[in-house]
Amino acid sequence: HNIIYASTGNKRLYQIMSPLREQLY
């Protein structure tokens, strides 16, 4: 999923998504 986030080219989206996924780890 991190590769997909990075492929979007949207750094803000990547920054938002990472902690959301971690909270569900």
PDB file of all heavy atoms in Angstrom:
ATOM      1  N   HIS A   1       0.828  -1.208   0.000  1.00  0.00           N
ATOM      2  CA  HIS A   1       0.000   0.000   0.000  1.00  0.00           C
ATOM      3  C   HIS A   1       0.867   1.265   0.000  1.00  0.00           C
ATOM      4  O   HIS A   1       0.506   2.267  -0.631  1.00  0.00           O
ATOM      5  CB  HIS A   1      -0.954  -0.013   1.192  1.00  0.00           C
ATOM      6  CG  HIS A   1      -2.111  -0.940   1.005  1.00  0.00           C
ATOM      7  ND1 HIS A   1      -3.299  -0.540   0.436  1.00  0.00           N
ATOM      8  CD2 HIS A   1      -2.249  -2.256   1.290  1.00  0.00           C
ATOM      9  CE1 HIS A   1      -4.131  -1.576   0.381  1.00  0.00           C
ATOM     10  NE2 HIS A   1      -3.513  -2.626   0.895  1.00  0.00           N
ATOM     11  N   ASN A   2       1.994   1.212   0.684  1.00  0.00           N
ATOM     12  CA  ASN A   2       2.887   2.380   0.690  1.00  0.00           C
ATOM     13  C   ASN A   2       3.408   2.700  -0.709  1.00  0.00           C
ATOM     14  O   ASN A   2       3.595   3.875  -1.049  1.00  0.00           O
ATOM     15  CB  ASN A   2       4.061   2.150   1.648  1.00  0.00           C
ATOM     16  CG  ASN A   2       3.673   2.324   3.101  1.00  0.00           C
ATOM     17  OD1 ASN A   2       2.672   2.973   3.408  1.00  0.00           O
ATOM     18  ND2 ASN A   2       4.446   1.756   3.999  1.00  0.00           N
ATOM     19  N   ILE A   3       3.652   1.653  -1.504  1.00  0.00           N
ATOM     20  CA  ILE A   3       4.090   1.877  -2.880  1.00  0.00           C
ATOM     21  C   ILE A   3       2.991   2.584  -3.675  1.00  0.00           C
ATOM     22  O   ILE A   3       3.263   3.484  -4.471  1.00  0.00           O
ATOM     23  CB  ILE A   3       4.478   0.539  -3.546  1.00  0.00           C
ATOM     24  CG1 ILE A   3       5.736  -0.034  -2.889  1.00  0.00           C
ATOM     25  CG2 ILE A   3       4.726   0.743  -5.054  1.00  0.00           C
ATOM     26  CD1 ILE A   3       6.010  -1.477  -3.274  1.00  0.00           C
ATOM     27  N   ILE A   4       1.756   2.180  -3.449  1.00  0.00           N
ATOM     28  CA  ILE A   4       0.637   2.841  -4.134  1.00  0.00           C
ATOM     29  C   ILE A   4       0.563   4.307  -3.733  1.00  0.00           C
ATOM     30  O   ILE A   4       0.407   5.192  -4.592  1.00  0.00           O
ATOM     31  CB  ILE A   4      -0.695   2.126  -3.826  1.00  0.00           C
ATOM     32  CG1 ILE A   4      -0.692   0.727  -4.433  1.00  0.00           C
ATOM     33  CG2 ILE A   4      -1.887   2.936  -4.362  1.00  0.00           C
ATOM     34  CD1 ILE A   4      -1.920  -0.099  -4.120  1.00  0.00           C
ATOM     35  N   TYR A   5       0.688   4.591  -2.422  1.00  0.00           N
ATOM     36  CA  TYR A   5       0.650   5.988  -1.966  1.00  0.00           C
ATOM     37  C   TYR A   5       1.759   6.798  -2.633  1.00  0.00           C
ATOM     38  O   TYR A   5       1.527   7.905  -3.124  1.00  0.00           O
ATOM     39  CB  TYR A   5       0.825   6.095  -0.446  1.00  0.00           C
ATOM     40  CG  TYR A   5      -0.120   5.264   0.378  1.00  0.00           C
ATOM     41  CD1 TYR A   5       0.255   4.786   1.625  1.00  0.00           C
ATOM     42  CD2 TYR A   5      -1.391   4.936  -0.081  1.00  0.00           C
ATOM     43  CE1 TYR A   5      -0.599   4.018   2.387  1.00  0.00           C
ATOM     44  CE2 TYR A   5      -2.249   4.169   0.681  1.00  0.00           C
ATOM     45  CZ  TYR A   5      -1.841   3.710   1.911  1.00  0.00           C
ATOM     46  OH  TYR A   5      -2.679   2.944   2.666  1.00  0.00           O
ATOM     47  N   ALA A   6       2.967   6.224  -2.637  1.00  0.00           N
ATOM     48  CA  ALA A   6       4.104   6.942  -3.208  1.00  0.00           C
ATOM     49  C   ALA A   6       3.913   7.185  -4.704  1.00  0.00           C
ATOM     50  O   ALA A   6       4.329   8.217  -5.229  1.00  0.00           O
ATOM     51  CB  ALA A   6       5.389   6.154  -2.954  1.00  0.00           C
ATOM     52  N   SER A   7       3.269   6.225  -5.384  1.00  0.00           N
ATOM     53  CA  SER A   7       3.089   6.347  -6.834  1.00  0.00           C
ATOM     54  C   SER A   7       2.121   7.466  -7.212  1.00  0.00           C
ATOM     55  O   SER A   7       2.092   7.893  -8.359  1.00  0.00           O
ATOM     56  CB  SER A   7       2.588   5.024  -7.420  1.00  0.00           C
ATOM     57  OG  SER A   7       1.235   4.788  -7.098  1.00  0.00           O
ATOM     58  N   THR A   8       1.325   7.936  -6.254  1.00  0.00           N
ATOM     59  CA  THR A   8       0.364   9.002  -6.548  1.00  0.00           C
ATOM     60  C   THR A   8       1.062  10.340  -6.776  1.00  0.00           C
ATOM     61  O   THR A   8       0.492  11.242  -7.385  1.00  0.00           O
ATOM     62  CB  THR A   8      -0.646   9.188  -5.409  1.00  0.00           C
ATOM     63  OG1 THR A   8       0.024   9.705  -4.238  1.00  0.00           O
ATOM     64  CG2 THR A   8      -1.334   7.882  -5.049  1.00  0.00           C
ATOM     65  N   GLY A   9       2.283  10.468  -6.248  1.00  0.00           N
ATOM     66  CA  GLY A   9       2.993  11.741  -6.352  1.00  0.00           C
ATOM     67  C   GLY A   9       2.448  12.798  -5.418  1.00  0.00           C
ATOM     68  O   GLY A   9       2.878  13.951  -5.452  1.00  0.00           O
ATOM     69  N   ASN A  10       1.495  12.402  -4.561  1.00  0.00           N
ATOM     70  CA  ASN A  10       0.861  13.344  -3.631  1.00  0.00           C
ATOM     71  C   ASN A  10       1.461  13.127  -2.231  1.00  0.00           C
ATOM     72  O   ASN A  10       1.057  12.218  -1.506  1.00  0.00           O
ATOM     73  CB  ASN A  10      -0.653  13.121  -3.615  1.00  0.00           C
ATOM     74  CG  ASN A  10      -1.407  14.192  -2.844  1.00  0.00           C
ATOM     75  OD1 ASN A  10      -0.977  14.613  -1.778  1.00  0.00           O
ATOM     76  ND2 ASN A  10      -2.531  14.623  -3.379  1.00  0.00           N
ATOM     77  N   LYS A  11       2.423  13.954  -1.877  1.00  0.00           N
ATOM     78  CA  LYS A  11       3.107  13.799  -0.600  1.00  0.00           C
ATOM     79  C   LYS A  11       2.169  13.971   0.589  1.00  0.00           C
ATOM     80  O   LYS A  11       2.304  13.300   1.607  1.00  0.00           O
ATOM     81  CB  LYS A  11       4.270  14.795  -0.502  1.00  0.00           C
ATOM     82  CG  LYS A  11       5.399  14.517  -1.484  1.00  0.00           C
ATOM     83  CD  LYS A  11       6.528  15.514  -1.301  1.00  0.00           C
ATOM     84  CE  LYS A  11       7.656  15.237  -2.282  1.00  0.00           C
ATOM     85  NZ  LYS A  11       8.774  16.204  -2.123  1.00  0.00           N
ATOM     86  N   ARG A  12       1.218  14.870   0.459  1.00  0.00           N
ATOM     87  CA  ARG A  12       0.280  15.112   1.560  1.00  0.00           C
ATOM     88  C   ARG A  12      -0.579  13.879   1.826  1.00  0.00           C
ATOM     89  O   ARG A  12      -0.813  13.516   2.985  1.00  0.00           O
ATOM     90  CB  ARG A  12      -0.598  16.315   1.234  1.00  0.00           C
ATOM     91  CG  ARG A  12      -1.517  16.734   2.368  1.00  0.00           C
ATOM     92  CD  ARG A  12      -0.753  17.215   3.562  1.00  0.00           C
ATOM     93  NE  ARG A  12      -0.013  18.432   3.277  1.00  0.00           N
ATOM     94  CZ  ARG A  12       0.801  19.026   4.143  1.00  0.00           C
ATOM     95  NH1 ARG A  12       1.013  18.474   5.331  1.00  0.00           N
ATOM     96  NH2 ARG A  12       1.431  20.131   3.826  1.00  0.00           N
ATOM     97  N   LEU A  13      -1.027  13.233   0.764  1.00  0.00           N
ATOM     98  CA  LEU A  13      -1.820  12.014   0.924  1.00  0.00           C
ATOM     99  C   LEU A  13      -1.004  10.947   1.630  1.00  0.00           C
ATOM    100  O   LEU A  13      -1.496  10.265   2.535  1.00  0.00           O
ATOM    101  CB  LEU A  13      -2.286  11.509  -0.444  1.00  0.00           C
ATOM    102  CG  LEU A  13      -3.066  10.185  -0.449  1.00  0.00           C
ATOM    103  CD1 LEU A  13      -4.364  10.320   0.334  1.00  0.00           C
ATOM    104  CD2 LEU A  13      -3.361   9.749  -1.882  1.00  0.00           C
ATOM    105  N   TYR A  14       0.244  10.792   1.223  1.00  0.00           N
ATOM    106  CA  TYR A  14       1.143   9.817   1.841  1.00  0.00           C
ATOM    107  C   TYR A  14       1.296  10.105   3.332  1.00  0.00           C
ATOM    108  O   TYR A  14       1.238   9.200   4.166  1.00  0.00           O
ATOM    109  CB  TYR A  14       2.500   9.860   1.141  1.00  0.00           C
ATOM    110  CG  TYR A  14       3.451   8.767   1.545  1.00  0.00           C
ATOM    111  CD1 TYR A  14       3.509   7.577   0.831  1.00  0.00           C
ATOM    112  CD2 TYR A  14       4.288   8.909   2.643  1.00  0.00           C
ATOM    113  CE1 TYR A  14       4.388   6.558   1.197  1.00  0.00           C
ATOM    114  CE2 TYR A  14       5.170   7.905   3.013  1.00  0.00           C
ATOM    115  CZ  TYR A  14       5.215   6.735   2.281  1.00  0.00           C
ATOM    116  OH  TYR A  14       6.067   5.728   2.650  1.00  0.00           O
ATOM    117  N   GLN A  15       1.479  11.376   3.684  1.00  0.00           N
ATOM    118  CA  GLN A  15       1.669  11.760   5.085  1.00  0.00           C
ATOM    119  C   GLN A  15       0.420  11.491   5.918  1.00  0.00           C
ATOM    120  O   GLN A  15       0.504  11.108   7.078  1.00  0.00           O
ATOM    121  CB  GLN A  15       2.041  13.238   5.172  1.00  0.00           C
ATOM    122  CG  GLN A  15       3.422  13.559   4.626  1.00  0.00           C
ATOM    123  CD  GLN A  15       3.671  15.050   4.496  1.00  0.00           C
ATOM    124  OE1 GLN A  15       2.748  15.868   4.584  1.00  0.00           O
ATOM    125  NE2 GLN A  15       4.919  15.429   4.282  1.00  0.00           N
ATOM    126  N   ILE A  16      -0.748  11.675   5.306  1.00  0.00           N
ATOM    127  CA  ILE A  16      -2.009  11.465   6.021  1.00  0.00           C
ATOM    128  C   ILE A  16      -2.281   9.975   6.213  1.00  0.00           C
ATOM    129  O   ILE A  16      -2.729   9.540   7.273  1.00  0.00           O
ATOM    130  CB  ILE A  16      -3.183  12.126   5.268  1.00  0.00           C
ATOM    131  CG1 ILE A  16      -3.045  13.650   5.291  1.00  0.00           C
ATOM    132  CG2 ILE A  16      -4.527  11.712   5.880  1.00  0.00           C
ATOM    133  CD1 ILE A  16      -4.043  14.372   4.395  1.00  0.00           C
ATOM    134  N   MET A  17      -2.006   9.183   5.173  1.00  0.00           N
ATOM    135  CA  MET A  17      -2.367   7.778   5.203  1.00  0.00           C
ATOM    136  C   MET A  17      -1.510   6.954   6.160  1.00  0.00           C
ATOM    137  O   MET A  17      -2.016   6.026   6.803  1.00  0.00           O
ATOM    138  CB  MET A  17      -2.252   7.179   3.799  1.00  0.00           C
ATOM    139  CG  MET A  17      -3.384   7.545   2.870  1.00  0.00           C
ATOM    140  SD  MET A  17      -5.023   7.106   3.512  1.00  0.00           S
ATOM    141  CE  MET A  17      -4.813   5.378   3.893  1.00  0.00           C
ATOM    142  N   SER A  18      -0.239   7.262   6.267  1.00  0.00           N
ATOM    143  CA  SER A  18       0.665   6.438   7.071  1.00  0.00           C
ATOM    144  C   SER A  18       0.202   6.284   8.527  1.00  0.00           C
ATOM    145  O   SER A  18       0.090   5.158   9.034  1.00  0.00           O
ATOM    146  CB  SER A  18       2.092   6.994   7.008  1.00  0.00           C
ATOM    147  OG  SER A  18       2.603   6.839   5.706  1.00  0.00           O
ATOM    148  N   PRO A  19      -0.090   7.380   9.253  1.00  0.00           N
ATOM    149  CA  PRO A  19      -0.542   7.198  10.638  1.00  0.00           C
ATOM    150  C   PRO A  19      -1.899   6.518  10.751  1.00  0.00           C
ATOM    151  O   PRO A  19      -2.163   5.808  11.725  1.00  0.00           O
ATOM    152  CB  PRO A  19      -0.588   8.636  11.185  1.00  0.00           C
ATOM    153  CG  PRO A  19      -0.651   9.519   9.987  1.00  0.00           C
ATOM    154  CD  PRO A  19       0.107   8.802   8.925  1.00  0.00           C
ATOM    155  N   LEU A  20      -2.759   6.703   9.753  1.00  0.00           N
ATOM    156  CA  LEU A  20      -4.067   6.039   9.787  1.00  0.00           C
ATOM    157  C   LEU A  20      -3.899   4.522   9.730  1.00  0.00           C
ATOM    158  O   LEU A  20      -4.553   3.784  10.463  1.00  0.00           O
ATOM    159  CB  LEU A  20      -4.937   6.510   8.620  1.00  0.00           C
ATOM    160  CG  LEU A  20      -5.504   7.928   8.702  1.00  0.00           C
ATOM    161  CD1 LEU A  20      -6.251   8.274   7.419  1.00  0.00           C
ATOM    162  CD2 LEU A  20      -6.440   8.073   9.899  1.00  0.00           C
ATOM    163  N   ARG A  21      -3.014   4.062   8.858  1.00  0.00           N
ATOM    164  CA  ARG A  21      -2.767   2.627   8.750  1.00  0.00           C
ATOM    165  C   ARG A  21      -2.096   2.088  10.010  1.00  0.00           C
ATOM    166  O   ARG A  21      -2.397   0.989  10.466  1.00  0.00           O
ATOM    167  CB  ARG A  21      -1.906   2.330   7.522  1.00  0.00           C
ATOM    168  CG  ARG A  21      -2.644   2.470   6.208  1.00  0.00           C
ATOM    169  CD  ARG A  21      -1.757   2.172   5.024  1.00  0.00           C
ATOM    170  NE  ARG A  21      -1.233   0.814   5.064  1.00  0.00           N
ATOM    171  CZ  ARG A  21      -1.926  -0.286   4.730  1.00  0.00           C
ATOM    172  NH1 ARG A  21      -3.171  -0.160   4.332  1.00  0.00           N
ATOM    173  NH2 ARG A  21      -1.384  -1.478   4.799  1.00  0.00           N
ATOM    174  N   GLU A  22      -1.205   2.882  10.582  1.00  0.00           N
ATOM    175  CA  GLU A  22      -0.489   2.437  11.778  1.00  0.00           C
ATOM    176  C   GLU A  22      -1.426   2.264  12.959  1.00  0.00           C
ATOM    177  O   GLU A  22      -1.253   1.366  13.784  1.00  0.00           O
ATOM    178  CB  GLU A  22       0.623   3.428  12.113  1.00  0.00           C
ATOM    179  CG  GLU A  22       1.794   3.343  11.141  1.00  0.00           C
ATOM    180  CD  GLU A  22       2.795   4.448  11.334  1.00  0.00           C
ATOM    181  OE1 GLU A  22       2.505   5.388  12.100  1.00  0.00           O
ATOM    182  OE2 GLU A  22       3.869   4.388  10.715  1.00  0.00           O
ATOM    183  N   GLN A  23      -2.453   3.110  13.041  1.00  0.00           N
ATOM    184  CA  GLN A  23      -3.405   2.997  14.145  1.00  0.00           C
ATOM    185  C   GLN A  23      -4.185   1.684  14.095  1.00  0.00           C
ATOM    186  O   GLN A  23      -4.712   1.230  15.106  1.00  0.00           O
ATOM    187  CB  GLN A  23      -4.372   4.183  14.115  1.00  0.00           C
ATOM    188  CG  GLN A  23      -3.734   5.512  14.513  1.00  0.00           C
ATOM    189  CD  GLN A  23      -4.693   6.668  14.388  1.00  0.00           C
ATOM    190  OE1 GLN A  23      -5.849   6.577  14.785  1.00  0.00           O
ATOM    191  NE2 GLN A  23      -4.223   7.768  13.831  1.00  0.00           N
ATOM    192  N   LEU A  24      -4.249   1.078  12.914  1.00  0.00           N
ATOM    193  CA  LEU A  24      -4.982  -0.181  12.758  1.00  0.00           C
ATOM    194  C   LEU A  24      -4.051  -1.389  12.718  1.00  0.00           C
ATOM    195  O   LEU A  24      -4.494  -2.497  12.453  1.00  0.00           O
ATOM    196  CB  LEU A  24      -5.802  -0.143  11.459  1.00  0.00           C
ATOM    197  CG  LEU A  24      -6.913   0.900  11.377  1.00  0.00           C
ATOM    198  CD1 LEU A  24      -7.481   0.941   9.966  1.00  0.00           C
ATOM    199  CD2 LEU A  24      -8.024   0.591  12.371  1.00  0.00           C
ATOM    200  N   TYR A  25      -2.759  -1.160  12.987  1.00  0.00           N
ATOM    201  CA  TYR A  25      -1.782  -2.228  12.772  1.00  0.00           C
ATOM    202  C   TYR A  25      -2.141  -3.494  13.537  1.00  0.00           C
ATOM    203  O   TYR A  25      -2.141  -4.591  12.978  1.00  0.00           O
ATOM    204  CB  TYR A  25      -0.374  -1.758  13.172  1.00  0.00           C
ATOM    205  CG  TYR A  25       0.675  -2.822  12.961  1.00  0.00           C
ATOM    206  CD1 TYR A  25       1.310  -2.959  11.730  1.00  0.00           C
ATOM    207  CD2 TYR A  25       1.025  -3.717  13.983  1.00  0.00           C
ATOM    208  CE1 TYR A  25       2.262  -3.953  11.519  1.00  0.00           C
ATOM    209  CE2 TYR A  25       1.967  -4.713  13.771  1.00  0.00           C
ATOM    210  CZ  TYR A  25       2.582  -4.814  12.541  1.00  0.00           C
ATOM    211  OH  TYR A  25       3.508  -5.804  12.334  1.00  0.00           O
TER     212      TYR A  25
END
